[in-house]
Amino acid sequence: MDDKKPKRQGPIFNEYGMTQWYWLVKYRENLELGKNTEIGSFTLIDAYKGVKIEDNVKIGWGAVIMSYSSMDGKGGKVVLKKNCGVGANATVMPGVTIGENSIVGANSLVNKDVPPNEIWFGNPAKFFKKRQEKEK
């Protein structure tokens, strides 16, 4: 009997950029996707200016990750550092970096960088507290 865990399959994209888990990537050639990431269904990732998602990142259902905004023409690479989390229906704006081990709450609008080991939420997202070692 083989006790090895089955190897997790990476995303399979159809011709429209939709994965088998119902999250969508525009400009997927500009997406860097780390290992052991979890991305919720109905999430939109617009990687026009680049999106880097590092290892062990969790993104909740319906989140929006934008590297370019056609409303104001602003763009910039979005980076989600190792072990961070983005809550359901949160929006991450162009050029933002979410630091290692940080958490962004559900329904938040992130329009500036989130430092490592912090919890932010709101519209716009604001600092709530530092993460304790036991919370990581």
Foldseek 3Di string as FASTA:
>chain_A
DDPDDDDDDDFDQDPQQATPQAEGEAPCVQEAEEPPEAAHHLEYEYQPQHEYEYPQEYEEANEYEDQADPVVGDGAYEYEDACEYEEHNEYEYHPEYEEHNEYEYHNEYDDHYHYHQFYWYDDPTDTDGGHDPVRD
